[in-house]
Amino acid sequence: MTNKASRGIGGGLIVSVSNIIDRPVSDVFHFIADQHVENHPRWDPDIELEQESDGSIEVGTIIRRRNTRYDTPVEGTMEITEFERNQAMGSIIREGGFEMQGRITFEDLGLSQTRITQQASVPDSIDEALIRQMMERSSATIKELLESAE
């Protein structure tokens, strides 16, 4: 697993975590992006999701979020801003007075391997170490879930 942090244009912090998963890119994309509402709570059990619209996830889809990670549950939304099959999914998360941008890319490495890179652009006031820890845990759990699947 690799990770890094940098400053975004206009401030804010960009945190990035990468991991290689021993599964084809189409399987990884399907699990993470196509089935995001169903599977996100599997790699982050503090988050509950509900898609507002019917149909497949695509640009413009709004997903209601409930984050129970802290003492007081926080309600919010996730809007899909990018959805390129087997390549990338991006979103804007509005939660607890904050707005964060998230993006995950999928790189086909051949030999049934995929590199996923999760990136989050967060306000300076959010603890980088905490965000990185959550992203690393999610990435490791996604890898474990996908590689143990039949």
N, C-alpha and C. Protein backbone atom coordinates (compact mmCIF):
# COMPACT_ATOMS: atom_id res chain seq x y z
N MET A 1 0.86 -1.16 0.00
CA MET A 1 0.00 0.00 0.00
C MET A 1 0.91 1.23 0.00
N THR A 2 0.57 2.19 -0.85
CA THR A 2 1.31 3.45 -0.86
C THR A 2 0.35 4.57 -0.52
N ASN A 3 0.90 5.66 0.04
CA ASN A 3 0.05 6.79 0.36
C ASN A 3 0.87 8.06 0.34
N LYS A 4 0.16 9.18 0.19
CA LYS A 4 0.81 10.49 0.21
C LYS A 4 -0.22 11.55 0.53
N ALA A 5 0.29 12.75 0.82
CA ALA A 5 -0.59 13.89 1.07
C ALA A 5 0.05 15.10 0.40
N SER A 6 -0.78 16.01 -0.07
CA SER A 6 -0.29 17.25 -0.67
C SER A 6 -1.34 18.33 -0.45
N ARG A 7 -1.02 19.54 -0.79
CA ARG A 7 -1.95 20.65 -0.67
C ARG A 7 -2.65 20.86 -2.00
N GLY A 8 -3.96 21.11 -1.93
CA GLY A 8 -4.72 21.39 -3.13
C GLY A 8 -4.67 22.86 -3.47
N ILE A 9 -5.11 23.19 -4.66
CA ILE A 9 -5.19 24.59 -5.08
C ILE A 9 -6.21 25.28 -4.19
N GLY A 10 -5.85 26.43 -3.65
CA GLY A 10 -6.76 27.15 -2.78
C GLY A 10 -6.80 26.59 -1.37
N GLY A 11 -5.80 25.81 -0.99
CA GLY A 11 -5.76 25.24 0.35
C GLY A 11 -6.39 23.87 0.38
N GLY A 12 -6.60 23.39 1.55
CA GLY A 12 -7.14 22.05 1.70
C GLY A 12 -6.03 21.02 1.53
N LEU A 13 -6.34 19.83 1.90
CA LEU A 13 -5.38 18.74 1.89
C LEU A 13 -5.87 17.65 0.96
N ILE A 14 -4.98 17.10 0.18
CA ILE A 14 -5.31 15.97 -0.69
C ILE A 14 -4.57 14.75 -0.15
N VAL A 15 -5.33 13.76 0.28
CA VAL A 15 -4.77 12.52 0.82
C VAL A 15 -5.00 11.42 -0.20
N SER A 16 -3.97 10.62 -0.46
CA SER A 16 -4.05 9.58 -1.48
C SER A 16 -3.51 8.26 -0.93
N VAL A 17 -4.25 7.17 -1.20
CA VAL A 17 -3.86 5.83 -0.76
C VAL A 17 -4.05 4.89 -1.95
N SER A 18 -3.03 4.07 -2.24
CA SER A 18 -3.11 3.10 -3.34
C SER A 18 -2.89 1.69 -2.81
N ASN A 19 -3.50 0.74 -3.51
CA ASN A 19 -3.37 -0.66 -3.15
C ASN A 19 -3.54 -1.49 -4.41
N ILE A 20 -2.88 -2.64 -4.47
CA ILE A 20 -3.03 -3.56 -5.60
C ILE A 20 -3.89 -4.73 -5.14
N ILE A 21 -4.92 -5.02 -5.95
CA ILE A 21 -5.87 -6.09 -5.64
C ILE A 21 -5.73 -7.17 -6.71
N ASP A 22 -5.65 -8.40 -6.26
CA ASP A 22 -5.51 -9.53 -7.18
C ASP A 22 -6.87 -9.96 -7.73
N ARG A 23 -7.45 -9.07 -8.50
CA ARG A 23 -8.72 -9.32 -9.21
C ARG A 23 -8.74 -8.45 -10.45
N PRO A 24 -9.44 -8.88 -11.50
CA PRO A 24 -9.54 -8.07 -12.73
C PRO A 24 -10.23 -6.73 -12.46
N VAL A 25 -9.87 -5.72 -13.24
CA VAL A 25 -10.41 -4.37 -13.05
C VAL A 25 -11.94 -4.36 -13.12
N SER A 26 -12.54 -5.17 -13.99
CA SER A 26 -14.00 -5.17 -14.10
C SER A 26 -14.65 -5.64 -12.81
N ASP A 27 -14.07 -6.62 -12.13
CA ASP A 27 -14.60 -7.10 -10.85
C ASP A 27 -14.47 -6.04 -9.76
N VAL A 28 -13.31 -5.40 -9.73
CA VAL A 28 -13.05 -4.38 -8.71
C VAL A 28 -13.97 -3.18 -8.89
N PHE A 29 -14.10 -2.72 -10.14
CA PHE A 29 -14.99 -1.58 -10.41
C PHE A 29 -16.43 -1.92 -10.06
N HIS A 30 -16.88 -3.10 -10.43
CA HIS A 30 -18.25 -3.52 -10.14
C HIS A 30 -18.51 -3.50 -8.63
N PHE A 31 -17.59 -4.06 -7.86
CA PHE A 31 -17.73 -4.15 -6.41
C PHE A 31 -17.75 -2.77 -5.76
N ILE A 32 -16.83 -1.90 -6.18
CA ILE A 32 -16.69 -0.58 -5.53
C ILE A 32 -17.67 0.44 -6.08
N ALA A 33 -17.80 0.53 -7.39
CA ALA A 33 -18.58 1.60 -8.01
C ALA A 33 -20.02 1.21 -8.30
N ASP A 34 -20.21 0.15 -9.09
CA ASP A 34 -21.57 -0.25 -9.45
C ASP A 34 -22.39 -0.62 -8.21
N GLN A 35 -21.78 -1.28 -7.27
CA GLN A 35 -22.49 -1.73 -6.06
C GLN A 35 -22.06 -0.92 -4.83
N HIS A 36 -21.79 0.36 -5.04
CA HIS A 36 -21.27 1.22 -3.98
C HIS A 36 -22.20 1.28 -2.77
N VAL A 37 -23.48 1.48 -3.01
CA VAL A 37 -24.43 1.63 -1.90
C VAL A 37 -24.48 0.35 -1.05
N GLU A 38 -24.47 -0.80 -1.71
CA GLU A 38 -24.53 -2.07 -0.98
C GLU A 38 -23.21 -2.40 -0.28
N ASN A 39 -22.09 -2.11 -0.95
CA ASN A 39 -20.80 -2.59 -0.45
C ASN A 39 -20.02 -1.62 0.43
N HIS A 40 -20.25 -0.31 0.29
CA HIS A 40 -19.48 0.65 1.10
C HIS A 40 -19.56 0.34 2.60
N PRO A 41 -20.74 0.02 3.13
CA PRO A 41 -20.80 -0.31 4.56
C PRO A 41 -20.00 -1.57 4.93
N ARG A 42 -19.67 -2.40 3.95
CA ARG A 42 -18.85 -3.59 4.23
C ARG A 42 -17.40 -3.21 4.51
N TRP A 43 -16.91 -2.15 3.86
CA TRP A 43 -15.53 -1.74 4.13
C TRP A 43 -15.46 -0.55 5.08
N ASP A 44 -16.59 0.06 5.37
CA ASP A 44 -16.64 1.15 6.35
C ASP A 44 -17.97 1.05 7.10
N PRO A 45 -18.01 0.22 8.15
CA PRO A 45 -19.28 -0.05 8.84
C PRO A 45 -19.87 1.14 9.59
N ASP A 46 -19.14 2.26 9.66
CA ASP A 46 -19.68 3.46 10.31
C ASP A 46 -20.55 4.29 9.38
N ILE A 47 -20.65 3.88 8.12
CA ILE A 47 -21.40 4.63 7.12
C ILE A 47 -22.62 3.82 6.67
N GLU A 48 -23.78 4.48 6.65
CA GLU A 48 -25.00 3.90 6.09
C GLU A 48 -25.34 4.71 4.84
N LEU A 49 -25.70 4.04 3.76
CA LEU A 49 -26.00 4.72 2.50
C LEU A 49 -27.37 4.31 1.98
N GLU A 50 -28.02 5.27 1.30
CA GLU A 50 -29.29 5.00 0.64
C GLU A 50 -29.35 5.85 -0.63
N GLN A 51 -29.49 5.18 -1.75
CA GLN A 51 -29.56 5.89 -3.03
C GLN A 51 -30.93 6.53 -3.17
N GLU A 52 -30.96 7.82 -3.53
CA GLU A 52 -32.23 8.53 -3.65
C GLU A 52 -32.98 8.19 -4.92
N SER A 53 -32.27 7.93 -6.01
CA SER A 53 -32.93 7.67 -7.30
C SER A 53 -32.86 6.19 -7.63
N ASP A 54 -33.78 5.77 -8.50
CA ASP A 54 -33.76 4.39 -8.97
C ASP A 54 -32.71 4.24 -10.06
N GLY A 55 -32.33 3.02 -10.33
CA GLY A 55 -31.42 2.75 -11.43
C GLY A 55 -29.97 2.66 -11.01
N SER A 56 -29.13 2.55 -12.02
CA SER A 56 -27.69 2.40 -11.80
C SER A 56 -27.06 3.70 -11.33
N ILE A 57 -25.94 3.57 -10.64
CA ILE A 57 -25.17 4.74 -10.25
C ILE A 57 -24.56 5.35 -11.50
N GLU A 58 -24.65 6.69 -11.59
CA GLU A 58 -24.10 7.42 -12.73
C GLU A 58 -23.85 8.86 -12.27
N VAL A 59 -23.26 9.66 -13.14
CA VAL A 59 -23.04 11.06 -12.81
C VAL A 59 -24.39 11.70 -12.47
N GLY A 60 -24.43 12.41 -11.36
CA GLY A 60 -25.66 13.06 -10.90
C GLY A 60 -26.41 12.28 -9.84
N THR A 61 -26.09 11.00 -9.64
CA THR A 61 -26.75 10.20 -8.61
C THR A 61 -26.48 10.82 -7.23
N ILE A 62 -27.53 10.93 -6.42
CA ILE A 62 -27.41 11.43 -5.05
C ILE A 62 -27.62 10.25 -4.10
N ILE A 63 -26.71 10.13 -3.15
CA ILE A 63 -26.77 9.07 -2.16
C ILE A 63 -26.80 9.72 -0.78
N ARG A 64 -27.79 9.36 0.02
CA ARG A 64 -27.87 9.87 1.39
C ARG A 64 -26.89 9.08 2.25
N ARG A 65 -26.21 9.81 3.14
CA ARG A 65 -25.21 9.21 4.02
C ARG A 65 -25.58 9.45 5.48
N ARG A 66 -25.21 8.49 6.30
CA ARG A 66 -25.32 8.66 7.75
C ARG A 66 -24.03 8.12 8.34
N ASN A 67 -23.27 9.01 8.94
CA ASN A 67 -21.97 8.68 9.50
C ASN A 67 -22.12 8.56 11.01
N THR A 68 -21.87 7.36 11.54
CA THR A 68 -22.01 7.12 12.97
C THR A 68 -20.65 6.96 13.65
N ARG A 69 -19.60 7.43 12.99
CA ARG A 69 -18.23 7.28 13.49
C ARG A 69 -18.01 8.08 14.78
N TYR A 70 -18.72 9.15 14.96
CA TYR A 70 -18.51 10.05 16.08
C TYR A 70 -19.64 9.91 17.09
N ASP A 71 -19.57 10.63 18.19
CA ASP A 71 -20.57 10.52 19.25
C ASP A 71 -21.98 10.82 18.73
N THR A 72 -22.09 11.83 17.88
CA THR A 72 -23.39 12.21 17.33
C THR A 72 -23.42 11.83 15.85
N PRO A 73 -24.40 11.02 15.43
CA PRO A 73 -24.49 10.68 14.01
C PRO A 73 -24.62 11.94 13.15
N VAL A 74 -23.99 11.91 11.98
CA VAL A 74 -24.00 13.05 11.07
C VAL A 74 -24.66 12.62 9.76
N GLU A 75 -25.66 13.39 9.33
CA GLU A 75 -26.36 13.14 8.07
C GLU A 75 -25.68 13.95 6.97
N GLY A 76 -25.72 13.43 5.76
CA GLY A 76 -25.13 14.15 4.65
C GLY A 76 -25.51 13.52 3.32
N THR A 77 -24.88 13.99 2.26
CA THR A 77 -25.12 13.45 0.93
C THR A 77 -23.79 13.21 0.21
N MET A 78 -23.88 12.37 -0.77
CA MET A 78 -22.77 12.09 -1.67
C MET A 78 -23.33 12.21 -3.08
N GLU A 79 -22.74 13.09 -3.88
CA GLU A 79 -23.18 13.27 -5.26
C GLU A 79 -22.09 12.72 -6.18
N ILE A 80 -22.48 11.83 -7.09
CA ILE A 80 -21.52 11.25 -8.04
C ILE A 80 -21.23 12.30 -9.11
N THR A 81 -19.96 12.65 -9.26
CA THR A 81 -19.53 13.69 -10.21
C THR A 81 -18.73 13.12 -11.38
N GLU A 82 -18.31 11.87 -11.25
CA GLU A 82 -17.53 11.22 -12.31
C GLU A 82 -17.82 9.73 -12.24
N PHE A 83 -18.04 9.12 -13.41
CA PHE A 83 -18.30 7.69 -13.44
C PHE A 83 -17.86 7.17 -14.80
N GLU A 84 -16.63 6.69 -14.87
CA GLU A 84 -16.07 6.14 -16.09
C GLU A 84 -15.78 4.67 -15.87
N ARG A 85 -16.55 3.82 -16.54
CA ARG A 85 -16.46 2.38 -16.33
C ARG A 85 -15.03 1.89 -16.35
N ASN A 86 -14.68 1.14 -15.31
CA ASN A 86 -13.37 0.49 -15.14
C ASN A 86 -12.20 1.48 -15.08
N GLN A 87 -12.51 2.77 -14.88
CA GLN A 87 -11.44 3.76 -14.82
C GLN A 87 -11.52 4.66 -13.59
N ALA A 88 -12.69 5.26 -13.32
CA ALA A 88 -12.75 6.22 -12.21
C ALA A 88 -14.17 6.46 -11.74
N MET A 89 -14.29 6.81 -10.45
CA MET A 89 -15.54 7.27 -9.87
C MET A 89 -15.19 8.42 -8.94
N GLY A 90 -15.89 9.54 -9.08
CA GLY A 90 -15.65 10.71 -8.25
C GLY A 90 -16.93 11.17 -7.58
N SER A 91 -16.78 11.88 -6.47
CA SER A 91 -17.96 12.35 -5.75
C SER A 91 -17.64 13.59 -4.92
N ILE A 92 -18.71 14.28 -4.56
CA ILE A 92 -18.64 15.36 -3.57
C ILE A 92 -19.47 14.91 -2.39
N ILE A 93 -18.87 14.96 -1.22
CA ILE A 93 -19.54 14.56 0.02
C ILE A 93 -19.78 15.82 0.84
N ARG A 94 -21.02 16.02 1.20
CA ARG A 94 -21.40 17.15 2.06
C ARG A 94 -21.94 16.55 3.35
N GLU A 95 -21.22 16.86 4.44
CA GLU A 95 -21.55 16.21 5.70
C GLU A 95 -21.04 17.06 6.86
N GLY A 96 -21.89 17.32 7.83
CA GLY A 96 -21.47 18.02 9.03
C GLY A 96 -20.88 19.40 8.80
N GLY A 97 -21.38 20.11 7.79
CA GLY A 97 -20.87 21.44 7.51
C GLY A 97 -19.61 21.46 6.66
N PHE A 98 -19.11 20.29 6.29
CA PHE A 98 -17.92 20.19 5.45
C PHE A 98 -18.28 19.71 4.05
N GLU A 99 -17.43 20.06 3.10
CA GLU A 99 -17.56 19.53 1.75
C GLU A 99 -16.22 18.90 1.40
N MET A 100 -16.26 17.65 0.98
CA MET A 100 -15.05 16.91 0.62
C MET A 100 -15.24 16.31 -0.77
N GLN A 101 -14.16 16.25 -1.51
CA GLN A 101 -14.20 15.60 -2.82
C GLN A 101 -13.45 14.29 -2.70
N GLY A 102 -14.03 13.26 -3.29
CA GLY A 102 -13.39 11.95 -3.28
C GLY A 102 -13.31 11.41 -4.70
N ARG A 103 -12.27 10.65 -4.95
CA ARG A 103 -12.10 10.05 -6.28
C ARG A 103 -11.36 8.73 -6.10
N ILE A 104 -11.79 7.73 -6.85
CA ILE A 104 -11.07 6.47 -6.85
C ILE A 104 -10.80 6.10 -8.30
N THR A 105 -9.56 5.74 -8.58
CA THR A 105 -9.20 5.33 -9.94
C THR A 105 -8.87 3.84 -9.93
N PHE A 106 -9.07 3.23 -11.08
CA PHE A 106 -8.89 1.80 -11.27
C PHE A 106 -7.91 1.61 -12.42
N GLU A 107 -6.78 1.00 -12.15
CA GLU A 107 -5.76 0.79 -13.18
C GLU A 107 -5.57 -0.70 -13.41
N ASP A 108 -5.82 -1.14 -14.65
CA ASP A 108 -5.65 -2.54 -15.02
C ASP A 108 -4.17 -2.83 -15.16
N LEU A 109 -3.63 -3.70 -14.29
CA LEU A 109 -2.22 -4.03 -14.31
C LEU A 109 -1.95 -5.33 -15.07
N GLY A 110 -3.00 -5.92 -15.66
CA GLY A 110 -2.85 -7.20 -16.33
C GLY A 110 -2.75 -8.31 -15.30
N LEU A 111 -2.68 -9.54 -15.78
CA LEU A 111 -2.57 -10.70 -14.89
C LEU A 111 -3.59 -10.67 -13.75
N SER A 112 -4.78 -10.19 -14.07
CA SER A 112 -5.88 -10.13 -13.10
C SER A 112 -5.52 -9.32 -11.86
N GLN A 113 -4.83 -8.21 -12.05
CA GLN A 113 -4.52 -7.31 -10.96
C GLN A 113 -5.00 -5.90 -11.29
N THR A 114 -5.45 -5.21 -10.25
CA THR A 114 -5.94 -3.84 -10.39
C THR A 114 -5.33 -2.98 -9.30
N ARG A 115 -4.84 -1.82 -9.68
CA ARG A 115 -4.40 -0.83 -8.68
C ARG A 115 -5.55 0.14 -8.47
N ILE A 116 -5.98 0.25 -7.23
CA ILE A 116 -6.96 1.28 -6.89
C ILE A 116 -6.22 2.40 -6.17
N THR A 117 -6.59 3.62 -6.51
CA THR A 117 -6.05 4.78 -5.81
C THR A 117 -7.21 5.62 -5.33
N GLN A 118 -7.32 5.73 -4.01
CA GLN A 118 -8.36 6.54 -3.40
C GLN A 118 -7.75 7.89 -3.07
N GLN A 119 -8.48 8.94 -3.41
CA GLN A 119 -8.00 10.30 -3.17
C GLN A 119 -9.13 11.09 -2.53
N ALA A 120 -8.80 11.85 -1.50
CA ALA A 120 -9.78 12.70 -0.83
C ALA A 120 -9.21 14.10 -0.68
N SER A 121 -9.99 15.08 -1.06
CA SER A 121 -9.64 16.49 -0.87
C SER A 121 -10.50 16.99 0.28
N VAL A 122 -9.82 17.31 1.38
CA VAL A 122 -10.54 17.65 2.62
C VAL A 122 -10.09 19.01 3.14
N PRO A 123 -10.95 19.67 3.93
CA PRO A 123 -10.56 20.95 4.53
C PRO A 123 -9.36 20.79 5.46
N ASP A 124 -8.58 21.86 5.59
CA ASP A 124 -7.41 21.86 6.48
C ASP A 124 -7.76 21.51 7.92
N SER A 125 -8.98 21.82 8.32
CA SER A 125 -9.37 21.62 9.72
C SER A 125 -9.57 20.15 10.08
N ILE A 126 -9.60 19.27 9.08
CA ILE A 126 -9.78 17.84 9.34
C ILE A 126 -8.40 17.20 9.55
N ASP A 127 -8.31 16.32 10.52
CA ASP A 127 -7.05 15.67 10.89
C ASP A 127 -6.58 14.72 9.79
N GLU A 128 -5.43 15.06 9.18
CA GLU A 128 -4.88 14.24 8.08
C GLU A 128 -4.62 12.80 8.51
N ALA A 129 -4.06 12.62 9.69
CA ALA A 129 -3.73 11.27 10.16
C ALA A 129 -4.99 10.41 10.29
N LEU A 130 -6.08 11.01 10.77
CA LEU A 130 -7.32 10.28 10.92
C LEU A 130 -7.89 9.90 9.55
N ILE A 131 -7.89 10.85 8.61
CA ILE A 131 -8.39 10.56 7.25
C ILE A 131 -7.55 9.46 6.61
N ARG A 132 -6.22 9.57 6.71
CA ARG A 132 -5.33 8.56 6.13
C ARG A 132 -5.59 7.18 6.74
N GLN A 133 -5.73 7.14 8.06
CA GLN A 133 -5.99 5.87 8.74
C GLN A 133 -7.29 5.24 8.24
N MET A 134 -8.34 6.03 8.11
CA MET A 134 -9.63 5.50 7.63
C MET A 134 -9.50 5.01 6.19
N MET A 135 -8.79 5.77 5.35
CA MET A 135 -8.63 5.38 3.94
C MET A 135 -7.79 4.11 3.82
N GLU A 136 -6.73 3.99 4.61
CA GLU A 136 -5.90 2.79 4.57
C GLU A 136 -6.68 1.57 5.04
N ARG A 137 -7.48 1.74 6.10
CA ARG A 137 -8.30 0.63 6.59
C ARG A 137 -9.32 0.21 5.54
N SER A 138 -9.97 1.19 4.90
CA SER A 138 -10.94 0.88 3.85
C SER A 138 -10.28 0.14 2.69
N SER A 139 -9.13 0.63 2.25
CA SER A 139 -8.42 0.02 1.13
C SER A 139 -8.03 -1.43 1.45
N ALA A 140 -7.53 -1.66 2.65
CA ALA A 140 -7.14 -3.02 3.05
C ALA A 140 -8.36 -3.94 3.13
N THR A 141 -9.48 -3.42 3.62
CA THR A 141 -10.70 -4.23 3.73
C THR A 141 -11.26 -4.54 2.34
N ILE A 142 -11.25 -3.57 1.44
CA ILE A 142 -11.70 -3.82 0.06
C ILE A 142 -10.85 -4.93 -0.56
N LYS A 143 -9.54 -4.84 -0.39
CA LYS A 143 -8.63 -5.87 -0.93
C LYS A 143 -8.99 -7.24 -0.35
N GLU A 144 -9.16 -7.31 0.95
CA GLU A 144 -9.49 -8.57 1.61
C GLU A 144 -10.82 -9.13 1.11
N LEU A 145 -11.84 -8.29 1.02
CA LEU A 145 -13.17 -8.74 0.57
C LEU A 145 -13.12 -9.26 -0.86
N LEU A 146 -12.44 -8.54 -1.73
CA LEU A 146 -12.38 -8.95 -3.14
C LEU A 146 -11.52 -10.19 -3.35
N GLU A 147 -10.40 -10.27 -2.69
CA GLU A 147 -9.51 -11.41 -2.89
C GLU A 147 -10.02 -12.68 -2.24
N SER A 148 -10.91 -12.56 -1.26
CA SER A 148 -11.48 -13.76 -0.63
C SER A 148 -12.77 -14.21 -1.31
N ALA A 149 -13.29 -13.39 -2.24
CA ALA A 149 -14.54 -13.72 -2.94
C ALA A 149 -14.29 -14.83 -3.95
N GLU A 150 -15.28 -15.63 -4.14
CA GLU A 150 -15.20 -16.71 -5.14
C GLU A 150 -15.39 -16.16 -6.52
